[in-house]
C-alpha atoms as a PDB file:
ATOM      1  CA  LEU A   1     -16.990 -29.196  14.531  1.00  0.00           C
ATOM      2  CA  PHE A   2     -16.688 -31.245  11.331  1.00  0.00           C
ATOM      3  CA  ARG A   3     -17.835 -30.591   7.787  1.00  0.00           C
ATOM      4  CA  LEU A   4     -18.809 -33.479   5.534  1.00  0.00           C
ATOM      5  CA  ARG A   5     -18.750 -32.493   1.882  1.00  0.00           C
ATOM      6  CA  ARG A   6     -21.126 -33.977  -0.610  1.00  0.00           C
ATOM      7  CA  HIS A   7     -19.992 -37.118  -2.480  1.00  0.00           C
ATOM      8  CA  ARG A   8     -17.047 -37.519  -0.109  1.00  0.00           C
ATOM      9  CA  LEU A   9     -16.775 -39.672   2.966  1.00  0.00           C
ATOM     10  CA  GLU A  10     -13.898 -37.765   4.538  1.00  0.00           C
ATOM     11  CA  ALA A  11     -14.868 -35.425   7.370  1.00  0.00           C
ATOM     12  CA  GLU A  12     -13.001 -32.114   7.512  1.00  0.00           C
ATOM     13  CA  LEU A  13     -12.220 -30.666  10.940  1.00  0.00           C
ATOM     14  CA  VAL A  14     -13.478 -27.075  11.001  1.00  0.00           C
ATOM     15  CA  SER A  15     -12.950 -26.056  14.624  1.00  0.00           C
ATOM     16  CA  ARG A  16     -12.069 -27.472  18.027  1.00  0.00           C
ATOM     17  CA  ASP A  17     -13.141 -24.303  19.810  1.00  0.00           C
ATOM     18  CA  VAL A  18     -16.849 -25.090  20.167  1.00  0.00           C
ATOM     19  CA  PRO A  19     -19.045 -25.628  23.254  1.00  0.00           C
ATOM     20  CA  PHE A  20     -18.189 -28.861  24.986  1.00  0.00           C
ATOM     21  CA  VAL A  21     -21.704 -30.160  25.662  1.00  0.00           C
ATOM     22  CA  GLU A  22     -23.529 -31.319  22.542  1.00  0.00           C
ATOM     23  CA  GLY A  23     -26.400 -29.244  21.245  1.00  0.00           C
ATOM     24  CA  PRO A  24     -28.136 -28.034  18.097  1.00  0.00           C
ATOM     25  CA  PHE A  25     -26.473 -26.184  15.241  1.00  0.00           C
ATOM     26  CA  VAL A  26     -27.709 -24.355  12.167  1.00  0.00           C
ATOM     27  CA  ALA A  27     -25.809 -23.120   9.108  1.00  0.00           C
ATOM     28  CA  HIS A  28     -25.946 -19.741   7.365  1.00  0.00           C
ATOM     29  CA  PRO A  29     -26.026 -19.614   3.557  1.00  0.00           C
ATOM     30  CA  ASP A  30     -22.528 -18.044   3.676  1.00  0.00           C
ATOM     31  CA  GLY A  31     -21.111 -21.182   5.320  1.00  0.00           C
ATOM     32  CA  SER A  32     -20.866 -19.893   8.872  1.00  0.00           C
ATOM     33  CA  VAL A  33     -22.537 -21.987  11.575  1.00  0.00           C
ATOM     34  CA  TRP A  34     -24.281 -21.270  14.863  1.00  0.00           C
ATOM     35  CA  VAL A  35     -23.185 -23.993  17.299  1.00  0.00           C
ATOM     36  CA  ALA A  36     -25.090 -24.245  20.577  1.00  0.00           C
ATOM     37  CA  SER A  37     -24.453 -26.112  23.790  1.00  0.00           C
ATOM     38  CA  ARG A  38     -27.252 -27.610  25.838  1.00  0.00           C
ATOM     39  CA  GLY A  39     -25.716 -25.589  28.660  1.00  0.00           C
ATOM     40  CA  GLY A  40     -26.657 -22.278  27.028  1.00  0.00           C
ATOM     41  CA  ASN A  41     -23.418 -21.290  25.297  1.00  0.00           C
ATOM     42  CA  VAL A  42     -24.002 -20.321  21.656  1.00  0.00           C
ATOM     43  CA  ARG A  43     -21.218 -19.463  19.193  1.00  0.00           C
ATOM     44  CA  LEU A  44     -21.097 -18.333  15.592  1.00  0.00           C
ATOM     45  CA  VAL A  45     -18.233 -20.060  13.761  1.00  0.00           C
ATOM     46  CA  SER A  46     -16.919 -18.711  10.444  1.00  0.00           C
ATOM     47  CA  PRO A  47     -16.533 -20.995   7.393  1.00  0.00           C
ATOM     48  CA  GLN A  48     -12.817 -21.085   8.236  1.00  0.00           C
ATOM     49  CA  GLY A  49     -13.507 -22.281  11.784  1.00  0.00           C
ATOM     50  CA  ARG A  50     -12.876 -19.015  13.642  1.00  0.00           C
ATOM     51  CA  PRO A  51     -15.269 -17.993  16.435  1.00  0.00           C
ATOM     52  CA  VAL A  52     -17.036 -14.822  15.319  1.00  0.00           C
ATOM     53  CA  ARG A  53     -19.515 -14.229  18.112  1.00  0.00           C
ATOM     54  CA  GLU A  54     -20.590 -15.735  21.420  1.00  0.00           C
ATOM     55  CA  LEU A  55     -23.707 -15.332  23.528  1.00  0.00           C
ATOM     56  CA  ARG A  56     -25.450 -17.068  26.410  1.00  0.00           C
ATOM     57  CA  VAL A  57     -29.082 -17.915  26.957  1.00  0.00           C
ATOM     58  CA  PRO A  58     -30.708 -19.813  29.842  1.00  0.00           C
ATOM     59  CA  ALA A  59     -30.119 -23.560  29.685  1.00  0.00           C
ATOM     60  CA  PRO A  60     -31.070 -25.915  28.217  1.00  0.00           C
ATOM     61  CA  VAL A  61     -30.853 -25.111  24.510  1.00  0.00           C
ATOM     62  CA  MET A  62     -32.714 -27.873  22.686  1.00  0.00           C
ATOM     63  CA  SER A  63     -33.199 -26.561  19.134  1.00  0.00           C
ATOM     64  CA  ALA A  64     -31.975 -23.908  16.710  1.00  0.00           C
ATOM     65  CA  ALA A  65     -33.366 -22.485  13.475  1.00  0.00           C
ATOM     66  CA  LEU A  66     -32.543 -19.657  11.091  1.00  0.00           C
ATOM     67  CA  GLY A  67     -35.398 -17.411  10.020  1.00  0.00           C
ATOM     68  CA  PRO A  68     -35.869 -16.073   6.477  1.00  0.00           C
ATOM     69  CA  ASP A  69     -34.741 -12.673   7.782  1.00  0.00           C
ATOM     70  CA  GLY A  70     -31.522 -14.120   9.223  1.00  0.00           C
ATOM     71  CA  ALA A  71     -32.718 -14.113  12.827  1.00  0.00           C
ATOM     72  CA  LEU A  72     -31.531 -16.985  15.028  1.00  0.00           C
ATOM     73  CA  TRP A  73     -34.260 -18.833  16.907  1.00  0.00           C
ATOM     74  CA  LEU A  74     -33.396 -20.999  19.906  1.00  0.00           C
ATOM     75  CA  GLY A  75     -35.712 -23.351  21.771  1.00  0.00           C
ATOM     76  CA  GLY A  76     -35.282 -23.917  25.497  1.00  0.00           C
ATOM     77  CA  ASP A  77     -37.408 -25.198  28.366  1.00  0.00           C
ATOM     78  CA  GLY A  78     -40.828 -23.602  27.921  1.00  0.00           C
ATOM     79  CA  ALA A  79     -39.223 -20.626  26.185  1.00  0.00           C
ATOM     80  CA  VAL A  80     -38.144 -19.465  22.742  1.00  0.00           C
ATOM     81  CA  PHE A  81     -35.379 -16.919  22.058  1.00  0.00           C
ATOM     82  CA  ARG A  82     -35.027 -14.742  18.956  1.00  0.00           C
ATOM     83  CA  VAL A  83     -31.577 -13.258  18.349  1.00  0.00           C
ATOM     84  CA  VAL A  84     -31.234 -10.286  15.988  1.00  0.00           C
ATOM     85  CA  GLY A  85     -27.957  -8.365  16.195  1.00  0.00           C
ATOM     86  CA  ASN A  86     -27.298  -7.753  19.886  1.00  0.00           C
ATOM     87  CA  ALA A  87     -30.959  -8.036  20.862  1.00  0.00           C
ATOM     88  CA  VAL A  88     -32.285 -11.245  22.412  1.00  0.00           C
ATOM     89  CA  ASP A  89     -36.061 -11.487  22.776  1.00  0.00           C
ATOM     90  CA  ARG A  90     -37.587 -14.142  25.014  1.00  0.00           C
ATOM     91  CA  PHE A  91     -41.051 -15.660  24.657  1.00  0.00           C
ATOM     92  CA  GLY A  92     -42.092 -18.031  27.411  1.00  0.00           C
ATOM     93  CA  SER A  93     -44.938 -19.704  29.232  1.00  0.00           C
ATOM     94  CA  GLY A  94     -45.959 -16.366  30.671  1.00  0.00           C
ATOM     95  CA  GLU A  95     -47.310 -15.553  27.216  1.00  0.00           C
ATOM     96  CA  ARG A  96     -49.477 -18.721  27.289  1.00  0.00           C
ATOM     97  CA  GLY A  97     -46.863 -20.564  25.291  1.00  0.00           C
ATOM     98  CA  PRO A  98     -46.485 -24.336  25.056  1.00  0.00           C
ATOM     99  CA  ARG A  99     -45.045 -26.028  28.100  1.00  0.00           C
ATOM    100  CA  GLY A 100     -42.068 -28.355  27.961  1.00  0.00           C
ATOM    101  CA  LEU A 101     -38.790 -28.566  26.085  1.00  0.00           C
ATOM    102  CA  VAL A 102     -38.935 -26.801  22.724  1.00  0.00           C
ATOM    103  CA  ARG A 103     -37.729 -29.404  20.254  1.00  0.00           C
ATOM    104  CA  ASP A 104     -38.306 -27.374  17.104  1.00  0.00           C
ATOM    105  CA  VAL A 105     -39.019 -23.858  15.839  1.00  0.00           C
ATOM    106  CA  LEU A 106     -40.205 -23.158  12.284  1.00  0.00           C
ATOM    107  CA  PRO A 107     -39.921 -19.424  11.459  1.00  0.00           C
ATOM    108  CA  GLU A 108     -42.109 -18.033   8.664  1.00  0.00           C
ATOM    109  CA  PRO A 109     -41.348 -15.083   6.325  1.00  0.00           C
ATOM    110  CA  ASP A 110     -44.091 -12.958   7.945  1.00  0.00           C
ATOM    111  CA  GLY A 111     -42.491 -13.262  11.390  1.00  0.00           C
ATOM    112  CA  THR A 112     -44.728 -16.078  12.615  1.00  0.00           C
ATOM    113  CA  ALA A 113     -42.985 -19.010  14.301  1.00  0.00           C
ATOM    114  CA  TRP A 114     -44.436 -22.480  14.816  1.00  0.00           C
ATOM    115  CA  ILE A 115     -43.167 -24.142  17.987  1.00  0.00           C
ATOM    116  CA  GLY A 116     -42.993 -27.876  18.697  1.00  0.00           C
ATOM    117  CA  THR A 117     -42.498 -29.111  22.255  1.00  0.00           C
ATOM    118  CA  TYR A 118     -42.055 -32.352  24.151  1.00  0.00           C
ATOM    119  CA  GLY A 119     -45.320 -32.913  25.984  1.00  0.00           C
ATOM    120  CA  GLY A 120     -46.705 -29.392  25.593  1.00  0.00           C
ATOM    121  CA  GLY A 121     -48.134 -29.565  22.088  1.00  0.00           C
ATOM    122  CA  MET A 122     -47.515 -26.915  19.451  1.00  0.00           C
ATOM    123  CA  GLY A 123     -47.662 -23.160  19.532  1.00  0.00           C
ATOM    124  CA  ARG A 124     -48.044 -20.282  17.105  1.00  0.00           C
ATOM    125  CA  LEU A 125     -45.972 -17.247  18.006  1.00  0.00           C
ATOM    126  CA  ARG A 126     -47.070 -14.035  16.318  1.00  0.00           C
ATOM    127  CA  ALA A 127     -46.612 -10.401  17.337  1.00  0.00           C
ATOM    128  CA  GLY A 128     -45.272 -11.480  20.716  1.00  0.00           C
ATOM    129  CA  ARG A 129     -48.271 -13.647  21.567  1.00  0.00           C
ATOM    130  CA  VAL A 130     -48.264 -17.442  21.701  1.00  0.00           C
ATOM    131  CA  VAL A 131     -51.372 -19.545  21.036  1.00  0.00           C
ATOM    132  CA  ARG A 132     -51.173 -23.156  22.178  1.00  0.00           C
ATOM    133  CA  LEU A 133     -52.411 -26.116  20.110  1.00  0.00           C
ATOM    134  CA  SER A 134     -52.660 -29.604  21.602  1.00  0.00           C
ATOM    135  CA  VAL A 135     -54.550 -32.891  21.417  1.00  0.00           C
ATOM    136  CA  GLU A 136     -57.598 -30.951  22.578  1.00  0.00           C
ATOM    137  CA  GLN A 137     -57.555 -29.160  19.215  1.00  0.00           C
ATOM    138  CA  GLY A 138     -56.944 -32.329  17.200  1.00  0.00           C
ATOM    139  CA  LEU A 139     -53.194 -32.990  17.289  1.00  0.00           C
ATOM    140  CA  PRO A 140     -52.470 -36.741  17.511  1.00  0.00           C
ATOM    141  CA  GLU A 141     -49.874 -36.235  20.252  1.00  0.00           C
ATOM    142  CA  ASN A 142     -48.466 -33.457  22.439  1.00  0.00           C
ATOM    143  CA  SER A 143     -44.852 -34.565  21.966  1.00  0.00           C
ATOM    144  CA  THR A 144     -43.508 -33.021  18.753  1.00  0.00           C
ATOM    145  CA  SER A 145     -39.981 -33.422  17.391  1.00  0.00           C
ATOM    146  CA  ARG A 146     -40.019 -31.709  13.998  1.00  0.00           C
ATOM    147  CA  ILE A 147     -42.226 -29.383  11.909  1.00  0.00           C
ATOM    148  CA  LEU A 148     -41.565 -29.068   8.166  1.00  0.00           C
ATOM    149  CA  ASP A 149     -43.299 -26.925   5.528  1.00  0.00           C
ATOM    150  CA  ASP A 150     -43.791 -28.753   2.220  1.00  0.00           C
ATOM    151  CA  GLY A 151     -44.280 -25.537   0.212  1.00  0.00           C
ATOM    152  CA  ARG A 152     -47.855 -26.547  -0.635  1.00  0.00           C
ATOM    153  CA  GLY A 153     -49.618 -24.888   2.255  1.00  0.00           C
ATOM    154  CA  ARG A 154     -49.167 -27.813   4.632  1.00  0.00           C
ATOM    155  CA  LEU A 155     -47.099 -28.572   7.717  1.00  0.00           C
ATOM    156  CA  TRP A 156     -45.764 -32.069   8.417  1.00  0.00           C
ATOM    157  CA  ILE A 157     -45.461 -32.684  12.147  1.00  0.00           C
ATOM    158  CA  SER A 158     -43.394 -35.536  13.539  1.00  0.00           C
ATOM    159  CA  THR A 159     -44.868 -36.769  16.835  1.00  0.00           C
ATOM    160  CA  ASN A 160     -44.610 -39.707  19.218  1.00  0.00           C
ATOM    161  CA  ARG A 161     -47.733 -41.151  17.564  1.00  0.00           C
ATOM    162  CA  GLY A 162     -46.609 -40.865  13.977  1.00  0.00           C
ATOM    163  CA  LEU A 163     -46.447 -38.215  11.305  1.00  0.00           C
ATOM    164  CA  ALA A 164     -49.310 -35.724  10.965  1.00  0.00           C
ATOM    165  CA  VAL A 165     -49.955 -33.483   7.968  1.00  0.00           C
ATOM    166  CA  VAL A 166     -52.295 -30.513   8.283  1.00  0.00           C
ATOM    167  CA  ARG A 167     -53.037 -27.412   6.227  1.00  0.00           C
ATOM    168  CA  LYS A 168     -51.555 -24.213   7.610  1.00  0.00           C
ATOM    169  CA  SER A 169     -54.861 -22.489   6.915  1.00  0.00           C
ATOM    170  CA  ASP A 170     -56.557 -24.945   9.300  1.00  0.00           C
ATOM    171  CA  LEU A 171     -53.921 -24.312  11.967  1.00  0.00           C
ATOM    172  CA  GLU A 172     -54.401 -20.578  11.534  1.00  0.00           C
ATOM    173  CA  ALA A 173     -58.180 -20.904  11.798  1.00  0.00           C
ATOM    174  CA  VAL A 174     -57.964 -22.823  15.079  1.00  0.00           C
ATOM    175  CA  ALA A 175     -55.305 -20.507  16.505  1.00  0.00           C
ATOM    176  CA  ASP A 176     -57.452 -17.476  15.604  1.00  0.00           C
ATOM    177  CA  GLY A 177     -60.574 -19.017  17.106  1.00  0.00           C
ATOM    178  CA  ARG A 178     -62.365 -19.287  13.743  1.00  0.00           C
ATOM    179  CA  ALA A 179     -62.458 -23.093  13.958  1.00  0.00           C
ATOM    180  CA  ARG A 180     -62.710 -25.459  16.896  1.00  0.00           C
ATOM    181  CA  ALA A 181     -60.558 -28.407  15.866  1.00  0.00           C
ATOM    182  CA  LEU A 182     -57.991 -29.718  13.403  1.00  0.00           C
ATOM    183  CA  GLU A 183     -58.450 -32.752  11.167  1.00  0.00           C
ATOM    184  CA  PRO A 184     -54.916 -33.889  10.328  1.00  0.00           C
ATOM    185  CA  VAL A 185     -54.023 -36.931   8.268  1.00  0.00           C
ATOM    186  CA  VAL A 186     -51.890 -39.160  10.503  1.00  0.00           C
ATOM    187  CA  PHE A 187     -49.372 -41.786   9.387  1.00  0.00           C
ATOM    188  CA  GLY A 188     -48.778 -44.116  12.314  1.00  0.00           C
ATOM    189  CA  THR A 189     -47.299 -47.551  12.841  1.00  0.00           C
ATOM    190  CA  GLU A 190     -49.874 -49.025  10.455  1.00  0.00           C
ATOM    191  CA  ARG A 191     -48.245 -46.917   7.699  1.00  0.00           C
ATOM    192  CA  GLY A 192     -44.700 -47.743   8.768  1.00  0.00           C
ATOM    193  CA  VAL A 193     -44.064 -44.559  10.792  1.00  0.00           C
ATOM    194  CA  ALA A 194     -42.885 -45.290  14.310  1.00  0.00           C
ATOM    195  CA  GLU A 195     -42.539 -42.945  17.276  1.00  0.00           C
ATOM    196  CA  ALA A 196     -40.433 -39.871  16.539  1.00  0.00           C
ATOM    197  CA  ASN A 197     -36.765 -39.872  17.480  1.00  0.00           C
ATOM    198  CA  PHE A 198     -35.590 -36.457  18.637  1.00  0.00           C
ATOM    199  CA  GLY A 199     -32.503 -35.008  16.976  1.00  0.00           C
ATOM    200  CA  SER A 200     -31.041 -31.601  16.223  1.00  0.00           C
ATOM    201  CA  PRO A 201     -32.772 -31.439  13.817  1.00  0.00           C
ATOM    202  CA  ALA A 202     -35.054 -34.477  13.725  1.00  0.00           C
ATOM    203  CA  GLY A 203     -35.795 -34.168  10.023  1.00  0.00           C
ATOM    204  CA  PHE A 204     -35.154 -32.128   6.892  1.00  0.00           C
ATOM    205  CA  ALA A 205     -36.287 -31.525   3.313  1.00  0.00           C
ATOM    206  CA  ASP A 206     -33.855 -32.579   0.600  1.00  0.00           C
ATOM    207  CA  GLU A 207     -33.249 -30.822  -2.711  1.00  0.00           C
ATOM    208  CA  ALA A 208     -35.698 -33.127  -4.503  1.00  0.00           C
ATOM    209  CA  GLY A 209     -38.501 -32.010  -2.212  1.00  0.00           C
ATOM    210  CA  ARG A 210     -38.714 -35.220  -0.197  1.00  0.00           C
ATOM    211  CA  LEU A 211     -39.184 -34.925   3.558  1.00  0.00           C
ATOM    212  CA  TRP A 212     -37.102 -37.021   5.930  1.00  0.00           C
ATOM    213  CA  PHE A 213     -37.900 -37.746   9.580  1.00  0.00           C
ATOM    214  CA  GLY A 214     -36.089 -39.688  12.269  1.00  0.00           C
ATOM    215  CA  THR A 215     -38.011 -42.371  14.181  1.00  0.00           C
ATOM    216  CA  ILE A 216     -37.032 -44.911  16.804  1.00  0.00           C
ATOM    217  CA  ALA A 217     -37.186 -47.533  14.014  1.00  0.00           C
ATOM    218  CA  GLY A 218     -35.035 -45.593  11.531  1.00  0.00           C
ATOM    219  CA  ALA A 219     -35.462 -42.872   8.932  1.00  0.00           C
ATOM    220  CA  VAL A 220     -38.769 -42.300   7.132  1.00  0.00           C
ATOM    221  CA  SER A 221     -38.983 -40.533   3.765  1.00  0.00           C
ATOM    222  CA  VAL A 222     -42.143 -38.949   2.343  1.00  0.00           C
ATOM    223  CA  ASP A 223     -42.696 -37.597  -1.157  1.00  0.00           C
ATOM    224  CA  ALA A 224     -44.842 -34.579  -0.299  1.00  0.00           C
ATOM    225  CA  ALA A 225     -45.465 -33.814  -3.977  1.00  0.00           C
ATOM    226  CA  ALA A 226     -47.166 -37.190  -4.432  1.00  0.00           C
ATOM    227  CA  PHE A 227     -49.407 -36.725  -1.422  1.00  0.00           C
ATOM    228  CA  PRO A 228     -52.968 -35.835  -2.566  1.00  0.00           C
ATOM    229  CA  PHE A 229     -53.234 -32.090  -2.924  1.00  0.00           C
ATOM    230  CA  ASN A 230     -56.289 -30.175  -4.079  1.00  0.00           C
ATOM    231  CA  PRO A 231     -55.832 -26.385  -4.205  1.00  0.00           C
ATOM    232  CA  THR A 232     -59.591 -25.887  -4.675  1.00  0.00           C
ATOM    233  CA  PRO A 233     -61.702 -26.645  -1.590  1.00  0.00           C
ATOM    234  CA  PRO A 234     -64.716 -28.820  -2.446  1.00  0.00           C
ATOM    235  CA  ALA A 235     -68.066 -27.106  -2.787  1.00  0.00           C
ATOM    236  CA  VAL A 236     -70.511 -27.770   0.033  1.00  0.00           C
ATOM    237  CA  ARG A 237     -74.148 -28.550  -0.789  1.00  0.00           C
ATOM    238  CA  ILE A 238     -76.781 -29.144   1.883  1.00  0.00           C
ATOM    239  CA  GLU A 239     -79.109 -31.853   0.644  1.00  0.00           C
ATOM    240  CA  GLU A 240     -81.537 -32.218   3.525  1.00  0.00           C
ATOM    241  CA  ILE A 241     -82.237 -31.140   7.082  1.00  0.00           C
ATOM    242  CA  ARG A 242     -83.629 -33.444   9.772  1.00  0.00           C
ATOM    243  CA  ALA A 243     -84.499 -32.474  13.309  1.00  0.00           C
ATOM    244  CA  ASP A 244     -85.845 -34.927  15.884  1.00  0.00           C
ATOM    245  CA  GLY A 245     -86.239 -37.419  13.046  1.00  0.00           C
ATOM    246  CA  GLN A 246     -88.439 -35.127  10.975  1.00  0.00           C
ATOM    247  CA  LEU A 247     -87.475 -33.973   7.467  1.00  0.00           C
ATOM    248  CA  HIS A 248     -87.698 -30.197   6.986  1.00  0.00           C
ATOM    249  CA  PRO A 249     -87.943 -28.331   3.676  1.00  0.00           C
ATOM    250  CA  LEU A 250     -84.854 -26.529   2.458  1.00  0.00           C
ATOM    251  CA  GLY A 251     -84.893 -22.792   1.941  1.00  0.00           C
ATOM    252  CA  PRO A 252     -83.048 -19.569   2.626  1.00  0.00           C
ATOM    253  CA  ALA A 253     -84.258 -19.861   6.221  1.00  0.00           C
ATOM    254  CA  VAL A 254     -85.355 -22.901   8.236  1.00  0.00           C
ATOM    255  CA  SER A 255     -87.396 -22.340  11.373  1.00  0.00           C
ATOM    256  CA  LEU A 256     -87.456 -24.903  14.169  1.00  0.00           C
ATOM    257  CA  ALA A 257     -89.463 -24.822  17.358  1.00  0.00           C
ATOM    258  CA  PRO A 258     -87.597 -24.197  20.630  1.00  0.00           C
ATOM    259  CA  LEU A 259     -86.062 -27.271  22.288  1.00  0.00           C
ATOM    260  CA  THR A 260     -86.084 -29.188  18.981  1.00  0.00           C
END
């Protein structure tokens, strides 16, 4: 395990005692790092390079994330693991979760976790229940590599058909059954965003607020703050009603004959 300090090109060796097979890793604010192996071995390494803790979860381990509460989230094959202390909770396809390798997990402060998979779409995990979201609900692609929150009520989703941005409120509405479909804005090859390239992680937000994503054609950077954002939903006004080609008067109630 190496540490690369800012403004320096020299890599500092932190530890040789890490899992042999490559896998995801995620850092704590205190400088310690969870280092995972695709084979299921997960270790917590101190800032000085000493192993602090070790645990095993079913292979493969594809992704890792740290929740706002300090919980470790691990993505596997059709399953997500949440590690708190000595407890390891598993959420899998038996709870109607997304199918496929979990490439990303985005934990929220309220305990919700957004799940991105390869081929199985997205999922919202809340209170132990997973709701699946896919192309049937409006996603551009079922293969997702990274999900980032821009802090403006939107999620940016890196997929094999470009980069999609969608309001979290819309995702919540569809997951709760209050809406039928999503209407994301999609940046595809015509906007210079190629197919996603999976990494561990496959994207990040820098300190300036820009979002970075890996693609098969190189890195893509997006200034989320410059993307059109309107905190006030537009007012809706119904101007006319037509049924079977006939114009009907507006009013508090409009009556139409059966089979119109």
